[in-house]
């Protein structure tokens, strides 16, 4: 099993979720986060005062899935979230050694629905 963390632009979330559903990924966690990368600072004016935004709003998707789904999932996220400009985000992949189903208390070897259908 692997865990994919994808940090993307908030405005690309709907397209990314649709792309994940299209390849059969229905289980994921979404968090609103802020971060800093190569994206330039944003300048603004609030109540007549200038300010600089150094941390940009992003969305973090966390997906735990079977090893065979990793490449397909990464491609789906890239195609849906990519705009071609600084600030598109990052994807990280981590190994998962065990997962447990809280309802049953058992080890969840088939973390995604596709593994159960195709396995």
PDB file of N, CA and C in Angstrom:
ATOM      1  N   UNK A   1       0.834  -1.183   0.000  1.00  0.00           N
ATOM      2  CA  UNK A   1       0.000   0.000   0.000  1.00  0.00           C
ATOM      3  C   UNK A   1       0.878   1.245   0.000  1.00  0.00           C
ATOM      4  N   UNK A   2       0.317   2.309  -0.538  1.00  0.00           N
ATOM      5  CA  UNK A   2       1.000   3.601  -0.588  1.00  0.00           C
ATOM      6  C   UNK A   2       0.033   4.696  -0.170  1.00  0.00           C
ATOM      7  N   UNK A   3       0.615   5.799   0.298  1.00  0.00           N
ATOM      8  CA  UNK A   3      -0.156   7.001   0.574  1.00  0.00           C
ATOM      9  C   UNK A   3       0.340   8.085  -0.357  1.00  0.00           C
ATOM     10  N   UNK A   4      -0.580   8.705  -1.065  1.00  0.00           N
ATOM     11  CA  UNK A   4      -0.251   9.835  -1.932  1.00  0.00           C
ATOM     12  C   UNK A   4      -0.767  11.095  -1.259  1.00  0.00           C
ATOM     13  N   UNK A   5       0.114  12.079  -1.112  1.00  0.00           N
ATOM     14  CA  UNK A   5      -0.290  13.404  -0.677  1.00  0.00           C
ATOM     15  C   UNK A   5      -0.089  14.337  -1.861  1.00  0.00           C
ATOM     16  N   UNK A   6      -1.136  15.008  -2.251  1.00  0.00           N
ATOM     17  CA  UNK A   6      -1.063  15.954  -3.360  1.00  0.00           C
ATOM     18  C   UNK A   6      -1.467  17.327  -2.840  1.00  0.00           C
ATOM     19  N   UNK A   7      -0.570  18.293  -2.992  1.00  0.00           N
ATOM     20  CA  UNK A   7      -0.846  19.675  -2.620  1.00  0.00           C
ATOM     21  C   UNK A   7      -1.164  20.407  -3.918  1.00  0.00           C
ATOM     22  N   UNK A   8      -2.400  20.895  -4.050  1.00  0.00           N
ATOM     23  CA  UNK A   8      -2.838  21.490  -5.314  1.00  0.00           C
ATOM     24  C   UNK A   8      -3.517  22.845  -5.068  1.00  0.00           C
ATOM     25  N   UNK A   9      -3.775  23.549  -6.168  1.00  0.00           N
ATOM     26  CA  UNK A   9      -4.514  24.811  -6.104  1.00  0.00           C
ATOM     27  C   UNK A   9      -5.975  24.510  -5.743  1.00  0.00           C
ATOM     28  N   UNK A  10      -6.576  25.326  -4.863  1.00  0.00           N
ATOM     29  CA  UNK A  10      -7.979  25.087  -4.493  1.00  0.00           C
ATOM     30  C   UNK A  10      -8.927  25.106  -5.692  1.00  0.00           C
ATOM     31  N   UNK A  11      -8.652  25.951  -6.672  1.00  0.00           N
ATOM     32  CA  UNK A  11      -9.551  26.053  -7.822  1.00  0.00           C
ATOM     33  C   UNK A  11      -9.470  24.832  -8.742  1.00  0.00           C
ATOM     34  N   UNK A  12      -8.522  23.925  -8.515  1.00  0.00           N
ATOM     35  CA  UNK A  12      -8.410  22.701  -9.318  1.00  0.00           C
ATOM     36  C   UNK A  12      -8.960  21.474  -8.585  1.00  0.00           C
ATOM     37  N   UNK A  13      -9.548  21.681  -7.413  1.00  0.00           N
ATOM     38  CA  UNK A  13     -10.030  20.554  -6.611  1.00  0.00           C
ATOM     39  C   UNK A  13     -11.160  19.790  -7.297  1.00  0.00           C
ATOM     40  N   UNK A  14     -12.147  20.479  -7.824  1.00  0.00           N
ATOM     41  CA  UNK A  14     -13.296  19.813  -8.452  1.00  0.00           C
ATOM     42  C   UNK A  14     -12.848  18.932  -9.611  1.00  0.00           C
ATOM     43  N   UNK A  15     -11.960  19.460 -10.470  1.00  0.00           N
ATOM     44  CA  UNK A  15     -11.460  18.686 -11.608  1.00  0.00           C
ATOM     45  C   UNK A  15     -10.648  17.476 -11.137  1.00  0.00           C
ATOM     46  N   UNK A  16      -9.890  17.667 -10.062  1.00  0.00           N
ATOM     47  CA  UNK A  16      -9.055  16.578  -9.556  1.00  0.00           C
ATOM     48  C   UNK A  16      -9.915  15.469  -8.960  1.00  0.00           C
ATOM     49  N   UNK A  17     -10.941  15.823  -8.206  1.00  0.00           N
ATOM     50  CA  UNK A  17     -11.850  14.816  -7.649  1.00  0.00           C
ATOM     51  C   UNK A  17     -12.557  14.058  -8.772  1.00  0.00           C
ATOM     52  N   UNK A  18     -12.976  14.758  -9.809  1.00  0.00           N
ATOM     53  CA  UNK A  18     -13.621  14.088 -10.952  1.00  0.00           C
ATOM     54  C   UNK A  18     -12.664  13.111 -11.621  1.00  0.00           C
ATOM     55  N   UNK A  19     -11.396  13.498 -11.762  1.00  0.00           N
ATOM     56  CA  UNK A  19     -10.395  12.622 -12.377  1.00  0.00           C
ATOM     57  C   UNK A  19     -10.151  11.383 -11.515  1.00  0.00           C
ATOM     58  N   UNK A  20     -10.129  11.557 -10.197  1.00  0.00           N
ATOM     59  CA  UNK A  20      -9.941  10.407  -9.301  1.00  0.00           C
ATOM     60  C   UNK A  20     -11.132   9.459  -9.386  1.00  0.00           C
ATOM     61  N   UNK A  21     -12.337  10.001  -9.379  1.00  0.00           N
ATOM     62  CA  UNK A  21     -13.530   9.157  -9.486  1.00  0.00           C
ATOM     63  C   UNK A  21     -13.552   8.407 -10.817  1.00  0.00           C
ATOM     64  N   UNK A  22     -13.063   9.047 -11.884  1.00  0.00           N
ATOM     65  CA  UNK A  22     -13.052   8.418 -13.211  1.00  0.00           C
ATOM     66  C   UNK A  22     -12.168   7.179 -13.248  1.00  0.00           C
ATOM     67  N   UNK A  23     -11.141   7.122 -12.391  1.00  0.00           N
ATOM     68  CA  UNK A  23     -10.270   5.923 -12.378  1.00  0.00           C
ATOM     69  C   UNK A  23     -10.624   4.992 -11.220  1.00  0.00           C
ATOM     70  N   UNK A  24     -11.724   5.289 -10.521  1.00  0.00           N
ATOM     71  CA  UNK A  24     -12.203   4.387  -9.477  1.00  0.00           C
ATOM     72  C   UNK A  24     -11.741   4.708  -8.069  1.00  0.00           C
ATOM     73  N   UNK A  25     -11.109   5.848  -7.863  1.00  0.00           N
ATOM     74  CA  UNK A  25     -10.678   6.240  -6.516  1.00  0.00           C
ATOM     75  C   UNK A  25     -11.806   7.047  -5.884  1.00  0.00           C
ATOM     76  N   UNK A  26     -12.402   6.492  -4.830  1.00  0.00           N
ATOM     77  CA  UNK A  26     -13.514   7.175  -4.178  1.00  0.00           C
ATOM     78  C   UNK A  26     -13.199   7.558  -2.740  1.00  0.00           C
ATOM     79  N   UNK A  27     -12.129   7.020  -2.179  1.00  0.00           N
ATOM     80  CA  UNK A  27     -11.784   7.312  -0.797  1.00  0.00           C
ATOM     81  C   UNK A  27     -10.557   8.207  -0.708  1.00  0.00           C
ATOM     82  N   UNK A  28     -10.725   9.382  -0.102  1.00  0.00           N
ATOM     83  CA  UNK A  28      -9.611  10.312   0.079  1.00  0.00           C
ATOM     84  C   UNK A  28     -10.002  11.333   1.133  1.00  0.00           C
ATOM     85  N   UNK A  29      -9.000  12.050   1.627  1.00  0.00           N
ATOM     86  CA  UNK A  29      -9.212  13.115   2.603  1.00  0.00           C
ATOM     87  C   UNK A  29      -8.758  14.421   1.981  1.00  0.00           C
ATOM     88  N   UNK A  30      -9.535  15.491   2.213  1.00  0.00           N
ATOM     89  CA  UNK A  30      -9.196  16.813   1.687  1.00  0.00           C
ATOM     90  C   UNK A  30      -9.046  17.765   2.869  1.00  0.00           C
ATOM     91  N   UNK A  31      -7.926  18.507   2.882  1.00  0.00           N
ATOM     92  CA  UNK A  31      -7.679  19.505   3.924  1.00  0.00           C
ATOM     93  C   UNK A  31      -7.304  20.826   3.274  1.00  0.00           C
ATOM     94  N   UNK A  32      -7.746  21.911   3.879  1.00  0.00           N
ATOM     95  CA  UNK A  32      -7.301  23.226   3.431  1.00  0.00           C
ATOM     96  C   UNK A  32      -6.014  23.547   4.171  1.00  0.00           C
ATOM     97  N   UNK A  33      -4.982  23.923   3.414  1.00  0.00           N
ATOM     98  CA  UNK A  33      -3.673  24.222   3.994  1.00  0.00           C
ATOM     99  C   UNK A  33      -3.141  25.513   3.376  1.00  0.00           C
ATOM    100  N   UNK A  34      -2.069  26.043   3.937  1.00  0.00           N
ATOM    101  CA  UNK A  34      -1.350  27.158   3.334  1.00  0.00           C
ATOM    102  C   UNK A  34       0.102  26.751   3.242  1.00  0.00           C
ATOM    103  N   UNK A  35       0.797  27.292   2.248  1.00  0.00           N
ATOM    104  CA  UNK A  35       2.182  26.904   2.078  1.00  0.00           C
ATOM    105  C   UNK A  35       2.965  27.869   1.231  1.00  0.00           C
ATOM    106  N   UNK A  36       4.210  27.529   1.070  1.00  0.00           N
ATOM    107  CA  UNK A  36       5.160  28.374   0.372  1.00  0.00           C
ATOM    108  C   UNK A  36       6.021  27.508  -0.521  1.00  0.00           C
ATOM    109  N   UNK A  37       6.167  27.917  -1.770  1.00  0.00           N
ATOM    110  CA  UNK A  37       7.042  27.240  -2.719  1.00  0.00           C
ATOM    111  C   UNK A  37       7.665  28.277  -3.627  1.00  0.00           C
ATOM    112  N   UNK A  38       7.699  28.009  -4.921  1.00  0.00           N
ATOM    113  CA  UNK A  38       8.261  28.956  -5.878  1.00  0.00           C
ATOM    114  C   UNK A  38       7.279  30.037  -6.307  1.00  0.00           C
ATOM    115  N   UNK A  39       6.022  29.876  -5.945  1.00  0.00           N
ATOM    116  CA  UNK A  39       5.002  30.852  -6.321  1.00  0.00           C
ATOM    117  C   UNK A  39       5.340  32.213  -5.708  1.00  0.00           C
ATOM    118  N   UNK A  40       5.183  33.254  -6.495  1.00  0.00           N
ATOM    119  CA  UNK A  40       5.513  34.611  -6.046  1.00  0.00           C
ATOM    120  C   UNK A  40       4.544  35.098  -4.973  1.00  0.00           C
ATOM    121  N   UNK A  41       5.032  36.020  -4.141  1.00  0.00           N
ATOM    122  CA  UNK A  41       4.172  36.647  -3.143  1.00  0.00           C
ATOM    123  C   UNK A  41       3.062  37.425  -3.850  1.00  0.00           C
ATOM    124  N   UNK A  42       1.928  37.498  -3.224  1.00  0.00           N
ATOM    125  CA  UNK A  42       0.813  38.289  -3.749  1.00  0.00           C
ATOM    126  C   UNK A  42       0.729  39.582  -2.946  1.00  0.00           C
ATOM    127  N   UNK A  43       0.470  40.653  -3.632  1.00  0.00           N
ATOM    128  CA  UNK A  43       0.328  41.957  -2.981  1.00  0.00           C
ATOM    129  C   UNK A  43      -1.139  42.348  -3.015  1.00  0.00           C
ATOM    130  N   UNK A  44      -1.574  43.074  -1.989  1.00  0.00           N
ATOM    131  CA  UNK A  44      -2.956  43.514  -1.948  1.00  0.00           C
ATOM    132  C   UNK A  44      -3.099  44.756  -1.102  1.00  0.00           C
ATOM    133  N   UNK A  45      -4.305  45.285  -1.094  1.00  0.00           N
ATOM    134  CA  UNK A  45      -4.634  46.448  -0.278  1.00  0.00           C
ATOM    135  C   UNK A  45      -5.874  46.097   0.519  1.00  0.00           C
ATOM    136  N   UNK A  46      -5.819  46.325   1.823  1.00  0.00           N
ATOM    137  CA  UNK A  46      -6.961  46.076   2.693  1.00  0.00           C
ATOM    138  C   UNK A  46      -7.162  47.301   3.571  1.00  0.00           C
ATOM    139  N   UNK A  47      -8.318  47.927   3.446  1.00  0.00           N
ATOM    140  CA  UNK A  47      -8.648  49.136   4.205  1.00  0.00           C
ATOM    141  C   UNK A  47      -7.560  50.207   4.061  1.00  0.00           C
ATOM    142  N   UNK A  48      -7.101  50.347   2.822  1.00  0.00           N
ATOM    143  CA  UNK A  48      -6.130  51.381   2.515  1.00  0.00           C
ATOM    144  C   UNK A  48      -4.692  51.049   2.869  1.00  0.00           C
ATOM    145  N   UNK A  49      -4.432  49.872   3.393  1.00  0.00           N
ATOM    146  CA  UNK A  49      -3.072  49.475   3.764  1.00  0.00           C
ATOM    147  C   UNK A  49      -2.577  48.385   2.825  1.00  0.00           C
ATOM    148  N   UNK A  50      -1.327  48.502   2.382  1.00  0.00           N
ATOM    149  CA  UNK A  50      -0.706  47.476   1.543  1.00  0.00           C
ATOM    150  C   UNK A  50      -0.302  46.282   2.403  1.00  0.00           C
ATOM    151  N   UNK A  51      -0.428  45.100   1.832  1.00  0.00           N
ATOM    152  CA  UNK A  51       0.037  43.897   2.525  1.00  0.00           C
ATOM    153  C   UNK A  51       0.586  42.908   1.506  1.00  0.00           C
ATOM    154  N   UNK A  52       1.374  41.969   1.987  1.00  0.00           N
ATOM    155  CA  UNK A  52       1.961  40.928   1.149  1.00  0.00           C
ATOM    156  C   UNK A  52       1.542  39.566   1.698  1.00  0.00           C
ATOM    157  N   UNK A  53       1.071  38.702   0.823  1.00  0.00           N
ATOM    158  CA  UNK A  53       0.716  37.334   1.199  1.00  0.00           C
ATOM    159  C   UNK A  53       1.893  36.439   0.848  1.00  0.00           C
ATOM    160  N   UNK A  54       2.525  35.869   1.873  1.00  0.00           N
ATOM    161  CA  UNK A  54       3.682  35.007   1.626  1.00  0.00           C
ATOM    162  C   UNK A  54       3.316  33.525   1.701  1.00  0.00           C
ATOM    163  N   UNK A  55       2.189  33.201   2.318  1.00  0.00           N
ATOM    164  CA  UNK A  55       1.690  31.831   2.352  1.00  0.00           C
ATOM    165  C   UNK A  55       0.434  31.781   1.501  1.00  0.00           C
ATOM    166  N   UNK A  56       0.398  30.825   0.586  1.00  0.00           N
ATOM    167  CA  UNK A  56      -0.701  30.738  -0.373  1.00  0.00           C
ATOM    168  C   UNK A  56      -1.672  29.624   0.019  1.00  0.00           C
ATOM    169  N   UNK A  57      -2.976  29.852  -0.150  1.00  0.00           N
ATOM    170  CA  UNK A  57      -3.949  28.797   0.152  1.00  0.00           C
ATOM    171  C   UNK A  57      -3.804  27.648  -0.834  1.00  0.00           C
ATOM    172  N   UNK A  58      -3.806  26.447  -0.310  1.00  0.00           N
ATOM    173  CA  UNK A  58      -3.720  25.222  -1.111  1.00  0.00           C
ATOM    174  C   UNK A  58      -4.699  24.207  -0.544  1.00  0.00           C
ATOM    175  N   UNK A  59      -4.847  23.097  -1.241  1.00  0.00           N
ATOM    176  CA  UNK A  59      -5.653  21.977  -0.791  1.00  0.00           C
ATOM    177  C   UNK A  59      -4.751  20.753  -0.773  1.00  0.00           C
ATOM    178  N   UNK A  60      -4.839  19.977   0.300  1.00  0.00           N
ATOM    179  CA  UNK A  60      -4.058  18.735   0.384  1.00  0.00           C
ATOM    180  C   UNK A  60      -5.010  17.550   0.278  1.00  0.00           C
ATOM    181  N   UNK A  61      -4.752  16.709  -0.711  1.00  0.00           N
ATOM    182  CA  UNK A  61      -5.479  15.450  -0.881  1.00  0.00           C
ATOM    183  C   UNK A  61      -4.610  14.332  -0.321  1.00  0.00           C
ATOM    184  N   UNK A  62      -5.190  13.478   0.495  1.00  0.00           N
ATOM    185  CA  UNK A  62      -4.488  12.310   1.012  1.00  0.00           C
ATOM    186  C   UNK A  62      -5.247  11.073   0.551  1.00  0.00           C
ATOM    187  N   UNK A  63      -4.525  10.178  -0.127  1.00  0.00           N
ATOM    188  CA  UNK A  63      -5.150   8.998  -0.712  1.00  0.00           C
ATOM    189  C   UNK A  63      -4.304   7.786  -0.345  1.00  0.00           C
ATOM    190  N   UNK A  64      -4.903   6.786   0.286  1.00  0.00           N
ATOM    191  CA  UNK A  64      -4.210   5.529   0.566  1.00  0.00           C
ATOM    192  C   UNK A  64      -4.797   4.490  -0.377  1.00  0.00           C
ATOM    193  N   UNK A  65      -3.900   3.798  -1.110  1.00  0.00           N
ATOM    194  CA  UNK A  65      -4.373   2.864  -2.129  1.00  0.00           C
ATOM    195  C   UNK A  65      -3.386   1.727  -2.359  1.00  0.00           C
ATOM    196  N   UNK A  66      -3.824   0.777  -3.145  1.00  0.00           N
ATOM    197  CA  UNK A  66      -2.986  -0.366  -3.504  1.00  0.00           C
ATOM    198  C   UNK A  66      -1.848   0.076  -4.403  1.00  0.00           C
ATOM    199  N   UNK A  67      -0.732  -0.631  -4.322  1.00  0.00           N
ATOM    200  CA  UNK A  67       0.468  -0.269  -5.083  1.00  0.00           C
ATOM    201  C   UNK A  67       0.193  -0.140  -6.580  1.00  0.00           C
ATOM    202  N   UNK A  68      -0.618  -1.034  -7.128  1.00  0.00           N
ATOM    203  CA  UNK A  68      -0.830  -1.031  -8.572  1.00  0.00           C
ATOM    204  C   UNK A  68      -1.612   0.195  -9.058  1.00  0.00           C
ATOM    205  N   UNK A  69      -2.246   0.933  -8.139  1.00  0.00           N
ATOM    206  CA  UNK A  69      -3.024   2.123  -8.521  1.00  0.00           C
ATOM    207  C   UNK A  69      -2.222   3.416  -8.449  1.00  0.00           C
ATOM    208  N   UNK A  70      -0.985   3.360  -7.961  1.00  0.00           N
ATOM    209  CA  UNK A  70      -0.215   4.580  -7.701  1.00  0.00           C
ATOM    210  C   UNK A  70       0.059   5.362  -8.976  1.00  0.00           C
ATOM    211  N   UNK A  71       0.636   4.749  -9.986  1.00  0.00           N
ATOM    212  CA  UNK A  71       0.990   5.483 -11.214  1.00  0.00           C
ATOM    213  C   UNK A  71      -0.246   6.087 -11.885  1.00  0.00           C
ATOM    214  N   UNK A  72      -1.310   5.320 -11.956  1.00  0.00           N
ATOM    215  CA  UNK A  72      -2.558   5.788 -12.569  1.00  0.00           C
ATOM    216  C   UNK A  72      -3.115   6.996 -11.803  1.00  0.00           C
ATOM    217  N   UNK A  73      -3.028   6.939 -10.491  1.00  0.00           N
ATOM    218  CA  UNK A  73      -3.545   8.022  -9.648  1.00  0.00           C
ATOM    219  C   UNK A  73      -2.692   9.283  -9.791  1.00  0.00           C
ATOM    220  N   UNK A  74      -1.387   9.129  -9.793  1.00  0.00           N
ATOM    221  CA  UNK A  74      -0.489  10.281  -9.969  1.00  0.00           C
ATOM    222  C   UNK A  74      -0.772  10.962 -11.301  1.00  0.00           C
ATOM    223  N   UNK A  75      -0.905  10.195 -12.366  1.00  0.00           N
ATOM    224  CA  UNK A  75      -1.196  10.779 -13.684  1.00  0.00           C
ATOM    225  C   UNK A  75      -2.525  11.513 -13.699  1.00  0.00           C
ATOM    226  N   UNK A  76      -3.529  10.946 -13.045  1.00  0.00           N
ATOM    227  CA  UNK A  76      -4.845  11.587 -12.994  1.00  0.00           C
ATOM    228  C   UNK A  76      -4.763  12.929 -12.262  1.00  0.00           C
ATOM    229  N   UNK A  77      -4.035  12.969 -11.156  1.00  0.00           N
ATOM    230  CA  UNK A  77      -3.894  14.219 -10.394  1.00  0.00           C
ATOM    231  C   UNK A  77      -3.136  15.257 -11.217  1.00  0.00           C
ATOM    232  N   UNK A  78      -2.040  14.853 -11.834  1.00  0.00           N
ATOM    233  CA  UNK A  78      -1.250  15.792 -12.634  1.00  0.00           C
ATOM    234  C   UNK A  78      -2.093  16.376 -13.763  1.00  0.00           C
ATOM    235  N   UNK A  79      -2.786  15.523 -14.506  1.00  0.00           N
ATOM    236  CA  UNK A  79      -3.579  16.002 -15.640  1.00  0.00           C
ATOM    237  C   UNK A  79      -4.708  16.939 -15.201  1.00  0.00           C
ATOM    238  N   UNK A  80      -5.287  16.682 -14.034  1.00  0.00           N
ATOM    239  CA  UNK A  80      -6.410  17.506 -13.580  1.00  0.00           C
ATOM    240  C   UNK A  80      -5.962  18.797 -12.891  1.00  0.00           C
ATOM    241  N   UNK A  81      -4.829  18.772 -12.201  1.00  0.00           N
ATOM    242  CA  UNK A  81      -4.427  19.911 -11.369  1.00  0.00           C
ATOM    243  C   UNK A  81      -3.414  20.838 -12.043  1.00  0.00           C
ATOM    244  N   UNK A  82      -2.803  20.390 -13.104  1.00  0.00           N
ATOM    245  CA  UNK A  82      -1.722  21.157 -13.732  1.00  0.00           C
ATOM    246  C   UNK A  82      -2.238  22.358 -14.522  1.00  0.00           C
ATOM    247  N   UNK A  83      -1.639  23.535 -14.253  1.00  0.00           N
ATOM    248  CA  UNK A  83      -1.933  24.729 -15.048  1.00  0.00           C
ATOM    249  C   UNK A  83      -0.707  25.174 -15.837  1.00  0.00           C
ATOM    250  N   UNK A  84       0.469  24.675 -15.449  1.00  0.00           N
ATOM    251  CA  UNK A  84       1.701  25.037 -16.139  1.00  0.00           C
ATOM    252  C   UNK A  84       2.406  26.252 -15.557  1.00  0.00           C
ATOM    253  N   UNK A  85       1.931  26.746 -14.425  1.00  0.00           N
ATOM    254  CA  UNK A  85       2.565  27.910 -13.808  1.00  0.00           C
ATOM    255  C   UNK A  85       3.048  27.558 -12.401  1.00  0.00           C
ATOM    256  N   UNK A  86       3.969  28.384 -11.875  1.00  0.00           N
ATOM    257  CA  UNK A  86       4.448  28.177 -10.511  1.00  0.00           C
ATOM    258  C   UNK A  86       3.268  28.139  -9.558  1.00  0.00           C
ATOM    259  N   UNK A  87       3.341  27.249  -8.583  1.00  0.00           N
ATOM    260  CA  UNK A  87       2.272  27.144  -7.598  1.00  0.00           C
ATOM    261  C   UNK A  87       1.278  26.034  -7.873  1.00  0.00           C
ATOM    262  N   UNK A  88       1.528  25.214  -8.911  1.00  0.00           N
ATOM    263  CA  UNK A  88       0.619  24.101  -9.197  1.00  0.00           C
ATOM    264  C   UNK A  88       0.616  23.063  -8.081  1.00  0.00           C
ATOM    265  N   UNK A  89       1.735  22.904  -7.376  1.00  0.00           N
ATOM    266  CA  UNK A  89       1.759  21.996  -6.235  1.00  0.00           C
ATOM    267  C   UNK A  89       2.771  20.886  -6.353  1.00  0.00           C
ATOM    268  N   UNK A  90       2.646  19.917  -5.469  1.00  0.00           N
ATOM    269  CA  UNK A  90       3.556  18.767  -5.385  1.00  0.00           C
ATOM    270  C   UNK A  90       2.755  17.511  -5.094  1.00  0.00           C
ATOM    271  N   UNK A  91       3.374  16.375  -5.431  1.00  0.00           N
ATOM    272  CA  UNK A  91       2.817  15.069  -5.080  1.00  0.00           C
ATOM    273  C   UNK A  91       3.901  14.293  -4.351  1.00  0.00           C
ATOM    274  N   UNK A  92       3.552  13.710  -3.207  1.00  0.00           N
ATOM    275  CA  UNK A  92       4.475  12.891  -2.423  1.00  0.00           C
ATOM    276  C   UNK A  92       3.885  11.495  -2.294  1.00  0.00           C
ATOM    277  N   UNK A  93       4.751  10.490  -2.318  1.00  0.00           N
ATOM    278  CA  UNK A  93       4.307   9.105  -2.182  1.00  0.00           C
ATOM    279  C   UNK A  93       5.054   8.473  -1.010  1.00  0.00           C
ATOM    280  N   UNK A  94       4.292   7.858  -0.098  1.00  0.00           N
ATOM    281  CA  UNK A  94       4.848   7.238   1.104  1.00  0.00           C
ATOM    282  C   UNK A  94       4.428   5.771   1.161  1.00  0.00           C
ATOM    283  N   UNK A  95       5.287   4.917   1.711  1.00  0.00           N
ATOM    284  CA  UNK A  95       4.861   3.529   1.935  1.00  0.00           C
ATOM    285  C   UNK A  95       3.942   3.449   3.158  1.00  0.00           C
ATOM    286  N   UNK A  96       2.953   2.588   3.074  1.00  0.00           N
ATOM    287  CA  UNK A  96       2.060   2.306   4.205  1.00  0.00           C
ATOM    288  C   UNK A  96       2.245   0.834   4.551  1.00  0.00           C
ATOM    289  N   UNK A  97       2.598   0.575   5.778  1.00  0.00           N
ATOM    290  CA  UNK A  97       2.889  -0.798   6.172  1.00  0.00           C
ATOM    291  C   UNK A  97       1.653  -1.550   6.633  1.00  0.00           C
ATOM    292  N   UNK A  98       0.737  -0.856   7.283  1.00  0.00           N
ATOM    293  CA  UNK A  98      -0.497  -1.487   7.738  1.00  0.00           C
ATOM    294  C   UNK A  98      -1.618  -0.470   7.761  1.00  0.00           C
ATOM    295  N   UNK A  99      -2.834  -0.944   7.552  1.00  0.00           N
ATOM    296  CA  UNK A  99      -4.027  -0.127   7.695  1.00  0.00           C
ATOM    297  C   UNK A  99      -5.076  -0.984   8.393  1.00  0.00           C
ATOM    298  N   UNK A 100      -5.841  -0.360   9.262  1.00  0.00           N
ATOM    299  CA  UNK A 100      -6.862  -1.086  10.008  1.00  0.00           C
ATOM    300  C   UNK A 100      -8.229  -0.475   9.762  1.00  0.00           C
ATOM    301  N   UNK A 101      -9.220  -1.316   9.672  1.00  0.00           N
ATOM    302  CA  UNK A 101     -10.605  -0.881   9.574  1.00  0.00           C
ATOM    303  C   UNK A 101     -11.105  -0.692  11.001  1.00  0.00           C
ATOM    304  N   UNK A 102     -11.466   0.521  11.361  1.00  0.00           N
ATOM    305  CA  UNK A 102     -11.889   0.798  12.739  1.00  0.00           C
ATOM    306  C   UNK A 102     -13.180   0.060  13.077  1.00  0.00           C
ATOM    307  N   UNK A 103     -14.109  -0.012  12.133  1.00  0.00           N
ATOM    308  CA  UNK A 103     -15.388  -0.687  12.388  1.00  0.00           C
ATOM    309  C   UNK A 103     -15.187  -2.145  12.781  1.00  0.00           C
ATOM    310  N   UNK A 104     -14.325  -2.874  12.024  1.00  0.00           N
ATOM    311  CA  UNK A 104     -14.136  -4.306  12.281  1.00  0.00           C
ATOM    312  C   UNK A 104     -12.946  -4.589  13.184  1.00  0.00           C
ATOM    313  N   UNK A 105     -12.002  -3.648  13.258  1.00  0.00           N
ATOM    314  CA  UNK A 105     -10.786  -3.877  14.030  1.00  0.00           C
ATOM    315  C   UNK A 105      -9.782  -4.757  13.319  1.00  0.00           C
ATOM    316  N   UNK A 106     -10.058  -5.112  12.063  1.00  0.00           N
ATOM    317  CA  UNK A 106      -9.186  -6.010  11.309  1.00  0.00           C
ATOM    318  C   UNK A 106      -8.242  -5.240  10.402  1.00  0.00           C
ATOM    319  N   UNK A 107      -7.142  -5.910  10.014  1.00  0.00           N
ATOM    320  CA  UNK A 107      -6.222  -5.333   9.042  1.00  0.00           C
ATOM    321  C   UNK A 107      -6.959  -5.177   7.724  1.00  0.00           C
ATOM    322  N   UNK A 108      -6.801  -4.023   7.077  1.00  0.00           N
ATOM    323  CA  UNK A 108      -7.471  -3.739   5.806  1.00  0.00           C
ATOM    324  C   UNK A 108      -6.440  -3.875   4.683  1.00  0.00           C
ATOM    325  N   UNK A 109      -6.265  -5.085   4.174  1.00  0.00           N
ATOM    326  CA  UNK A 109      -5.283  -5.334   3.110  1.00  0.00           C
ATOM    327  C   UNK A 109      -5.746  -4.784   1.763  1.00  0.00           C
ATOM    328  N   UNK A 110      -7.041  -4.785   1.532  1.00  0.00           N
ATOM    329  CA  UNK A 110      -7.588  -4.276   0.274  1.00  0.00           C
ATOM    330  C   UNK A 110      -8.155  -2.885   0.536  1.00  0.00           C
ATOM    331  N   UNK A 111      -7.281  -1.914   0.586  1.00  0.00           N
ATOM    332  CA  UNK A 111      -7.647  -0.573   1.019  1.00  0.00           C
ATOM    333  C   UNK A 111      -8.614   0.115   0.071  1.00  0.00           C
ATOM    334  N   UNK A 112      -8.510  -0.155  -1.213  1.00  0.00           N
ATOM    335  CA  UNK A 112      -9.419   0.501  -2.154  1.00  0.00           C
ATOM    336  C   UNK A 112     -10.391  -0.489  -2.752  1.00  0.00           C
ATOM    337  N   UNK A 113     -11.529   0.002  -3.183  1.00  0.00           N
ATOM    338  CA  UNK A 113     -12.583  -0.846  -3.705  1.00  0.00           C
ATOM    339  C   UNK A 113     -12.145  -1.620  -4.942  1.00  0.00           C
ATOM    340  N   UNK A 114     -11.285  -1.028  -5.785  1.00  0.00           N
ATOM    341  CA  UNK A 114     -10.848  -1.703  -7.004  1.00  0.00           C
ATOM    342  C   UNK A 114     -10.067  -2.967  -6.693  1.00  0.00           C
ATOM    343  N   UNK A 115      -9.274  -2.942  -5.641  1.00  0.00           N
ATOM    344  CA  UNK A 115      -8.505  -4.127  -5.277  1.00  0.00           C
ATOM    345  C   UNK A 115      -9.434  -5.282  -4.940  1.00  0.00           C
ATOM    346  N   UNK A 116     -10.554  -4.975  -4.299  1.00  0.00           N
ATOM    347  CA  UNK A 116     -11.525  -6.026  -3.945  1.00  0.00           C
ATOM    348  C   UNK A 116     -12.237  -6.560  -5.182  1.00  0.00           C
ATOM    349  N   UNK A 117     -12.535  -5.664  -6.141  1.00  0.00           N
ATOM    350  CA  UNK A 117     -13.248  -6.072  -7.345  1.00  0.00           C
ATOM    351  C   UNK A 117     -12.346  -6.877  -8.284  1.00  0.00           C
ATOM    352  N   UNK A 118     -11.086  -6.416  -8.453  1.00  0.00           N
ATOM    353  CA  UNK A 118     -10.194  -7.050  -9.425  1.00  0.00           C
ATOM    354  C   UNK A 118      -9.398  -8.192  -8.812  1.00  0.00           C
ATOM    355  N   UNK A 119      -9.244  -8.194  -7.490  1.00  0.00           N
ATOM    356  CA  UNK A 119      -8.408  -9.180  -6.815  1.00  0.00           C
ATOM    357  C   UNK A 119      -9.102 -10.461  -6.674  1.00  0.00           C
TER     358      UNK A 119
END
